Amino acid sequence: MTARIYRPARNAMQSGKGKTKNWVLVYEPSAPRDIEPLMGYTSSRDMRQQIKLSFDTVEAAEAYAQKNGIAYTVQTAHEETPKRQSYPDNFRADRKTPWTH
Protein backbone atom coordinates (compact mmCIF):
# COMPACT_ATOMS: atom_id res chain seq x y z
CA MET A 1 0.00 0.00 0.00
CA THR A 2 1.68 3.14 -1.23
CA ALA A 3 0.37 6.64 -1.56
CA ARG A 4 1.22 9.52 -3.85
CA ILE A 5 1.40 13.12 -2.65
CA TYR A 6 1.08 15.78 -5.33
CA ARG A 7 -0.32 19.21 -6.06
CA PRO A 8 -2.92 19.07 -8.84
CA ALA A 9 -2.38 21.03 -12.03
CA ARG A 10 -4.91 23.56 -13.18
CA ASN A 11 -7.72 22.48 -15.46
CA ALA A 12 -6.74 22.78 -19.13
CA MET A 13 -10.24 23.91 -20.05
CA GLN A 14 -10.21 26.97 -17.79
CA SER A 15 -7.81 29.78 -17.07
CA GLY A 16 -8.36 29.82 -13.30
CA LYS A 17 -6.21 28.13 -10.70
CA GLY A 18 -8.96 26.83 -8.44
CA LYS A 19 -8.27 23.62 -6.48
CA THR A 20 -4.53 23.79 -7.23
CA LYS A 21 -3.23 25.28 -4.00
CA ASN A 22 -3.67 22.24 -1.73
CA TRP A 23 -1.61 19.08 -1.72
CA VAL A 24 -3.45 15.80 -2.27
CA LEU A 25 -2.72 12.32 -0.92
CA VAL A 26 -4.14 9.45 -2.99
CA TYR A 27 -3.50 5.72 -2.72
CA GLU A 28 -1.97 3.91 -5.66
CA PRO A 29 -4.04 0.98 -6.95
CA SER A 30 -2.99 -2.29 -5.34
CA ALA A 31 -4.64 -4.51 -7.97
CA PRO A 32 -5.71 -4.02 -11.57
CA ARG A 33 -9.32 -3.23 -12.32
CA ASP A 34 -11.67 -6.08 -13.32
CA ILE A 35 -14.25 -6.11 -16.08
CA GLU A 36 -17.74 -7.18 -15.04
CA PRO A 37 -18.84 -9.97 -17.38
CA LEU A 38 -22.52 -9.01 -17.43
CA MET A 39 -22.46 -5.27 -18.14
CA GLY A 40 -18.82 -4.68 -19.07
CA TYR A 41 -18.23 -2.11 -16.32
CA THR A 42 -14.79 -1.84 -14.78
CA SER A 43 -14.64 -2.42 -11.05
CA SER A 44 -12.16 -2.84 -8.26
CA ARG A 45 -12.27 -4.36 -4.81
CA ASP A 46 -9.74 -1.85 -3.51
CA MET A 47 -11.73 0.74 -1.53
CA ARG A 48 -8.67 2.90 -0.89
CA GLN A 49 -8.80 4.18 -4.46
CA GLN A 50 -11.81 6.25 -3.41
CA ILE A 51 -9.89 8.11 -0.68
CA LYS A 52 -8.51 11.51 -1.61
CA LEU A 53 -7.15 13.58 1.28
CA SER A 54 -6.33 17.27 0.95
CA PHE A 55 -3.65 19.14 2.93
CA ASP A 56 -2.51 22.75 3.03
CA THR A 57 1.21 21.93 2.84
CA VAL A 58 3.35 19.03 1.67
CA GLU A 59 4.82 18.77 5.17
CA ALA A 60 1.35 18.17 6.63
CA ALA A 61 0.69 15.43 4.06
CA GLU A 62 4.05 13.78 4.81
CA ALA A 63 3.40 13.98 8.56
CA TYR A 64 0.02 12.29 8.10
CA ALA A 65 1.56 9.49 6.02
CA GLN A 66 4.39 8.93 8.52
CA LYS A 67 2.01 9.00 11.49
CA ASN A 68 -0.21 6.32 9.92
CA GLY A 69 2.65 4.19 8.56
CA ILE A 70 1.84 4.78 4.88
CA ALA A 71 4.63 4.45 2.34
CA TYR A 72 4.50 7.48 0.06
CA THR A 73 6.17 9.26 -2.82
CA VAL A 74 6.10 13.02 -3.37
CA GLN A 75 5.74 14.52 -6.83
CA THR A 76 7.22 17.99 -7.00
CA ALA A 77 4.83 20.73 -8.04
CA HIS A 78 5.31 22.14 -11.50
CA GLU A 79 5.51 25.91 -11.37
CA GLU A 80 4.40 27.43 -14.63
CA THR A 81 6.30 30.37 -16.02
CA PRO A 82 4.22 33.51 -16.43
CA LYS A 83 3.87 34.61 -20.02
CA ARG A 84 3.83 38.35 -20.49
CA GLN A 85 1.48 39.36 -23.24
CA SER A 86 -0.47 42.50 -23.83
CA TYR A 87 -3.38 43.14 -26.15
CA PRO A 88 -1.53 45.54 -28.52
CA ASP A 89 1.02 42.79 -29.19
CA ASN A 90 -1.66 41.08 -31.28
CA PHE A 91 -1.48 43.90 -33.83
CA ARG A 92 2.28 44.51 -34.01
CA ALA A 93 3.73 44.85 -37.50
CA ASP A 94 6.71 42.58 -36.75
CA ARG A 95 4.65 39.48 -35.88
CA LYS A 96 5.75 36.19 -37.41
CA THR A 97 2.27 35.61 -38.76
CA PRO A 98 0.15 38.63 -39.63
CA TRP A 99 -3.05 39.11 -37.73
CA THR A 100 -6.17 38.80 -39.86
CA HIS A 101 -9.81 38.03 -39.34
C-alpha atoms as a PDB file:
ATOM      1  CA  MET A   1       0.000   0.000   0.000  1.00  0.00           C
ATOM      2  CA  THR A   2       1.682   3.145  -1.228  1.00  0.00           C
ATOM      3  CA  ALA A   3       0.374   6.642  -1.563  1.00  0.00           C
ATOM      4  CA  ARG A   4       1.217   9.525  -3.855  1.00  0.00           C
ATOM      5  CA  ILE A   5       1.397  13.119  -2.648  1.00  0.00           C
ATOM      6  CA  TYR A   6       1.076  15.776  -5.328  1.00  0.00           C
ATOM      7  CA  ARG A   7      -0.316  19.212  -6.059  1.00  0.00           C
ATOM      8  CA  PRO A   8      -2.915  19.067  -8.841  1.00  0.00           C
ATOM      9  CA  ALA A   9      -2.381  21.027 -12.028  1.00  0.00           C
ATOM     10  CA  ARG A  10      -4.911  23.557 -13.180  1.00  0.00           C
ATOM     11  CA  ASN A  11      -7.717  22.483 -15.457  1.00  0.00           C
ATOM     12  CA  ALA A  12      -6.743  22.780 -19.128  1.00  0.00           C
ATOM     13  CA  MET A  13     -10.237  23.913 -20.053  1.00  0.00           C
ATOM     14  CA  GLN A  14     -10.211  26.966 -17.788  1.00  0.00           C
ATOM     15  CA  SER A  15      -7.813  29.779 -17.067  1.00  0.00           C
ATOM     16  CA  GLY A  16      -8.363  29.818 -13.304  1.00  0.00           C
ATOM     17  CA  LYS A  17      -6.210  28.127 -10.701  1.00  0.00           C
ATOM     18  CA  GLY A  18      -8.960  26.832  -8.436  1.00  0.00           C
ATOM     19  CA  LYS A  19      -8.270  23.624  -6.484  1.00  0.00           C
ATOM     20  CA  THR A  20      -4.532  23.791  -7.235  1.00  0.00           C
ATOM     21  CA  LYS A  21      -3.232  25.277  -3.998  1.00  0.00           C
ATOM     22  CA  ASN A  22      -3.674  22.244  -1.727  1.00  0.00           C
ATOM     23  CA  TRP A  23      -1.605  19.076  -1.721  1.00  0.00           C
ATOM     24  CA  VAL A  24      -3.455  15.795  -2.275  1.00  0.00           C
ATOM     25  CA  LEU A  25      -2.716  12.319  -0.924  1.00  0.00           C
ATOM     26  CA  VAL A  26      -4.144   9.451  -2.987  1.00  0.00           C
ATOM     27  CA  TYR A  27      -3.499   5.723  -2.722  1.00  0.00           C
ATOM     28  CA  GLU A  28      -1.971   3.907  -5.663  1.00  0.00           C
ATOM     29  CA  PRO A  29      -4.045   0.977  -6.953  1.00  0.00           C
ATOM     30  CA  SER A  30      -2.994  -2.294  -5.342  1.00  0.00           C
ATOM     31  CA  ALA A  31      -4.637  -4.511  -7.966  1.00  0.00           C
ATOM     32  CA  PRO A  32      -5.714  -4.020 -11.575  1.00  0.00           C
ATOM     33  CA  ARG A  33      -9.325  -3.227 -12.318  1.00  0.00           C
ATOM     34  CA  ASP A  34     -11.668  -6.075 -13.317  1.00  0.00           C
ATOM     35  CA  ILE A  35     -14.253  -6.110 -16.080  1.00  0.00           C
ATOM     36  CA  GLU A  36     -17.736  -7.181 -15.037  1.00  0.00           C
ATOM     37  CA  PRO A  37     -18.840  -9.971 -17.378  1.00  0.00           C
ATOM     38  CA  LEU A  38     -22.517  -9.009 -17.427  1.00  0.00           C
ATOM     39  CA  MET A  39     -22.463  -5.273 -18.144  1.00  0.00           C
ATOM     40  CA  GLY A  40     -18.816  -4.684 -19.069  1.00  0.00           C
ATOM     41  CA  TYR A  41     -18.227  -2.115 -16.317  1.00  0.00           C
ATOM     42  CA  THR A  42     -14.788  -1.840 -14.781  1.00  0.00           C
ATOM     43  CA  SER A  43     -14.637  -2.420 -11.048  1.00  0.00           C
ATOM     44  CA  SER A  44     -12.161  -2.839  -8.256  1.00  0.00           C
ATOM     45  CA  ARG A  45     -12.268  -4.364  -4.808  1.00  0.00           C
ATOM     46  CA  ASP A  46      -9.740  -1.845  -3.507  1.00  0.00           C
ATOM     47  CA  MET A  47     -11.725   0.740  -1.534  1.00  0.00           C
ATOM     48  CA  ARG A  48      -8.668   2.901  -0.892  1.00  0.00           C
ATOM     49  CA  GLN A  49      -8.798   4.184  -4.458  1.00  0.00           C
ATOM     50  CA  GLN A  50     -11.814   6.245  -3.407  1.00  0.00           C
ATOM     51  CA  ILE A  51      -9.893   8.109  -0.681  1.00  0.00           C
ATOM     52  CA  LYS A  52      -8.514  11.513  -1.613  1.00  0.00           C
ATOM     53  CA  LEU A  53      -7.145  13.580   1.280  1.00  0.00           C
ATOM     54  CA  SER A  54      -6.333  17.273   0.946  1.00  0.00           C
ATOM     55  CA  PHE A  55      -3.651  19.139   2.926  1.00  0.00           C
ATOM     56  CA  ASP A  56      -2.506  22.754   3.029  1.00  0.00           C
ATOM     57  CA  THR A  57       1.214  21.928   2.836  1.00  0.00           C
ATOM     58  CA  VAL A  58       3.352  19.028   1.666  1.00  0.00           C
ATOM     59  CA  GLU A  59       4.816  18.774   5.174  1.00  0.00           C
ATOM     60  CA  ALA A  60       1.353  18.166   6.626  1.00  0.00           C
ATOM     61  CA  ALA A  61       0.690  15.425   4.065  1.00  0.00           C
ATOM     62  CA  GLU A  62       4.052  13.780   4.810  1.00  0.00           C
ATOM     63  CA  ALA A  63       3.402  13.979   8.558  1.00  0.00           C
ATOM     64  CA  TYR A  64       0.022  12.288   8.097  1.00  0.00           C
ATOM     65  CA  ALA A  65       1.564   9.495   6.024  1.00  0.00           C
ATOM     66  CA  GLN A  66       4.387   8.934   8.520  1.00  0.00           C
ATOM     67  CA  LYS A  67       2.012   9.001  11.488  1.00  0.00           C
ATOM     68  CA  ASN A  68      -0.206   6.325   9.923  1.00  0.00           C
ATOM     69  CA  GLY A  69       2.652   4.186   8.556  1.00  0.00           C
ATOM     70  CA  ILE A  70       1.839   4.782   4.884  1.00  0.00           C
ATOM     71  CA  ALA A  71       4.634   4.453   2.335  1.00  0.00           C
ATOM     72  CA  TYR A  72       4.501   7.477   0.061  1.00  0.00           C
ATOM     73  CA  THR A  73       6.171   9.265  -2.822  1.00  0.00           C
ATOM     74  CA  VAL A  74       6.099  13.018  -3.375  1.00  0.00           C
ATOM     75  CA  GLN A  75       5.741  14.517  -6.828  1.00  0.00           C
ATOM     76  CA  THR A  76       7.220  17.988  -6.999  1.00  0.00           C
ATOM     77  CA  ALA A  77       4.833  20.731  -8.036  1.00  0.00           C
ATOM     78  CA  HIS A  78       5.315  22.143 -11.503  1.00  0.00           C
ATOM     79  CA  GLU A  79       5.512  25.905 -11.369  1.00  0.00           C
ATOM     80  CA  GLU A  80       4.404  27.427 -14.632  1.00  0.00           C
ATOM     81  CA  THR A  81       6.302  30.368 -16.022  1.00  0.00           C
ATOM     82  CA  PRO A  82       4.220  33.507 -16.434  1.00  0.00           C
ATOM     83  CA  LYS A  83       3.870  34.612 -20.025  1.00  0.00           C
ATOM     84  CA  ARG A  84       3.834  38.350 -20.493  1.00  0.00           C
ATOM     85  CA  GLN A  85       1.479  39.362 -23.235  1.00  0.00           C
ATOM     86  CA  SER A  86      -0.472  42.500 -23.835  1.00  0.00           C
ATOM     87  CA  TYR A  87      -3.381  43.144 -26.147  1.00  0.00           C
ATOM     88  CA  PRO A  88      -1.530  45.537 -28.519  1.00  0.00           C
ATOM     89  CA  ASP A  89       1.016  42.786 -29.194  1.00  0.00           C
ATOM     90  CA  ASN A  90      -1.662  41.078 -31.284  1.00  0.00           C
ATOM     91  CA  PHE A  91      -1.477  43.904 -33.835  1.00  0.00           C
ATOM     92  CA  ARG A  92       2.278  44.506 -34.012  1.00  0.00           C
ATOM     93  CA  ALA A  93       3.730  44.851 -37.504  1.00  0.00           C
ATOM     94  CA  ASP A  94       6.713  42.582 -36.750  1.00  0.00           C
ATOM     95  CA  ARG A  95       4.652  39.479 -35.881  1.00  0.00           C
ATOM     96  CA  LYS A  96       5.749  36.185 -37.409  1.00  0.00           C
ATOM     97  CA  THR A  97       2.266  35.606 -38.763  1.00  0.00           C
ATOM     98  CA  PRO A  98       0.155  38.630 -39.634  1.00  0.00           C
ATOM     99  CA  TRP A  99      -3.051  39.111 -37.727  1.00  0.00           C
ATOM    100  CA  THR A 100      -6.173  38.803 -39.857  1.00  0.00           C
ATOM    101  CA  HIS A 101      -9.808  38.026 -39.345  1.00  0.00           C
END
